[in-house]
Amino acid sequence: MAEGREGYTRLISRIANQFPDALGRSDSPEQLAELLEYYNNLEGNRMAILQNLETVEEIQLGVAADAMALTDRYKANLQISRTNDAALDLAMREVDNWNSRFANKGSADKSPE
């Protein structure tokens, strides 16, 4: 619910609770008050979920950094060993191809100022 609409709804709920006789026979001001309370509870849950999401994203960033560190270390070792192993050299050509297509793309596309 938009912030302005929530305030409007709370105002109407407060007035309806003060003047229940002005409502229709089948209307109960408690119904709107209960919905607003439920909405508040959901908002609290939403905030907790957002905090958890932030934590998960931070953990993901850490795991990604660790994975890239291992990737760089493994690549360096594989590059050294490829000179002595033809099958490894052939397998590493895919890495060479990958690097030629994607590595340092951002800096190559920038024009000198």
Protein backbone atom coordinates (compact mmCIF):
# COMPACT_ATOMS: atom_id res chain seq x y z
CA MET A 1 0.00 0.00 0.00
CA ALA A 2 1.40 3.38 -0.90
CA GLU A 3 2.48 5.54 2.03
CA GLY A 4 -0.17 8.19 1.42
CA ARG A 5 -2.90 5.58 0.98
CA GLU A 6 -1.91 3.85 4.19
CA GLY A 7 -2.30 7.09 6.13
CA TYR A 8 -5.67 7.68 4.48
CA THR A 9 -6.80 4.15 5.34
CA ARG A 10 -5.70 4.54 8.96
CA LEU A 11 -7.57 7.86 9.20
CA ILE A 12 -10.78 6.30 7.85
CA SER A 13 -10.34 3.34 10.22
CA ARG A 14 -9.94 5.63 13.23
CA ILE A 15 -13.04 7.66 12.28
CA ALA A 16 -15.06 4.51 11.53
CA ASN A 17 -14.17 3.14 14.98
CA GLN A 18 -15.32 6.42 16.57
CA PHE A 19 -18.59 6.46 14.60
CA PRO A 20 -19.56 2.82 13.97
CA ASP A 21 -23.26 3.71 13.68
CA ALA A 22 -22.53 5.78 10.55
CA LEU A 23 -21.45 2.62 8.70
CA GLY A 24 -23.70 0.19 6.91
CA ARG A 25 -25.33 -2.58 8.94
CA SER A 26 -23.06 -5.24 7.50
CA ASP A 27 -19.89 -3.18 8.03
CA SER A 28 -17.73 -3.58 11.11
CA PRO A 29 -14.96 -1.08 11.84
CA GLU A 30 -12.98 -3.85 13.55
CA GLN A 31 -12.59 -5.57 10.19
CA LEU A 32 -10.51 -2.69 8.78
CA ALA A 33 -8.59 -2.32 12.06
CA GLU A 34 -7.72 -6.05 11.96
CA LEU A 35 -6.57 -5.77 8.34
CA LEU A 36 -4.33 -2.82 9.23
CA GLU A 37 -2.85 -4.76 12.15
CA TYR A 38 -2.21 -7.73 9.85
CA TYR A 39 -0.63 -5.35 7.33
CA ASN A 40 1.71 -4.08 10.05
CA ASN A 41 2.72 -7.63 10.93
CA LEU A 42 3.44 -8.36 7.28
CA GLU A 43 5.57 -5.21 7.05
CA GLY A 44 7.66 -6.43 9.98
CA ASN A 45 8.11 -9.76 8.23
CA ARG A 46 9.04 -8.00 5.00
CA MET A 47 11.74 -6.00 6.78
CA ALA A 48 13.15 -9.16 8.38
CA ILE A 49 13.23 -10.87 4.99
CA LEU A 50 15.03 -7.89 3.45
CA GLN A 51 17.64 -8.03 6.22
CA ASN A 52 18.10 -11.74 5.60
CA LEU A 53 18.38 -11.13 1.87
CA GLU A 54 21.11 -8.57 2.51
CA THR A 55 22.97 -11.09 4.65
CA VAL A 56 22.68 -13.77 1.97
CA GLU A 57 23.90 -11.34 -0.70
CA GLU A 58 26.92 -10.43 1.44
CA ILE A 59 27.71 -14.12 1.96
CA GLN A 60 27.37 -14.69 -1.80
CA LEU A 61 29.84 -11.88 -2.48
CA GLY A 62 32.32 -13.45 -0.07
CA VAL A 63 31.91 -16.89 -1.62
CA ALA A 64 32.31 -15.40 -5.10
CA ALA A 65 35.54 -13.66 -4.03
CA ASP A 66 36.87 -16.91 -2.57
CA ALA A 67 35.88 -18.83 -5.71
CA MET A 68 37.65 -16.30 -7.93
CA ALA A 69 40.79 -16.46 -5.78
CA LEU A 70 40.85 -20.25 -6.16
CA THR A 71 40.12 -19.93 -9.88
CA ASP A 72 43.09 -17.60 -10.36
CA ARG A 73 45.36 -19.91 -8.33
CA TYR A 74 44.22 -23.01 -10.22
CA LYS A 75 44.60 -21.27 -13.57
CA ALA A 76 48.15 -20.21 -12.72
CA ASN A 77 49.06 -23.80 -11.80
CA LEU A 78 47.37 -25.19 -14.90
CA GLN A 79 49.19 -22.66 -17.12
CA ILE A 80 52.53 -23.82 -15.72
CA SER A 81 51.68 -27.51 -16.18
CA ARG A 82 50.25 -27.16 -19.69
CA THR A 83 53.72 -26.89 -21.25
CA ASN A 84 54.39 -30.52 -20.26
CA ASP A 85 50.99 -32.05 -21.09
CA ALA A 86 49.44 -31.93 -24.57
CA ALA A 87 45.95 -32.93 -23.35
CA LEU A 88 46.03 -30.19 -20.71
CA ASP A 89 47.26 -27.71 -23.30
CA LEU A 90 44.32 -28.62 -25.53
CA ALA A 91 41.88 -28.26 -22.61
CA MET A 92 43.37 -24.89 -21.67
CA ARG A 93 42.73 -23.54 -25.16
CA GLU A 94 39.11 -23.17 -24.15
CA VAL A 95 40.30 -20.98 -21.26
CA ASP A 96 42.44 -18.99 -23.72
CA ASN A 97 39.40 -18.55 -25.96
CA TRP A 98 37.30 -17.46 -22.99
CA ASN A 99 39.90 -14.92 -21.92
CA SER A 100 40.28 -13.53 -25.44
CA ARG A 101 36.52 -12.99 -25.65
CA PHE A 102 35.69 -11.74 -22.18
CA ALA A 103 38.76 -10.73 -20.17
CA ASN A 104 39.37 -6.99 -19.77
CA LYS A 105 36.48 -6.14 -22.11
CA GLY A 106 35.66 -2.99 -20.13
CA SER A 107 39.11 -1.43 -20.40
CA ALA A 108 39.48 -2.32 -24.10
CA ASP A 109 36.18 -0.63 -25.01
CA LYS A 110 37.05 2.68 -23.35
CA SER A 111 38.47 5.32 -25.62
CA PRO A 112 41.49 7.31 -24.41
CA GLU A 113 40.64 10.76 -23.08
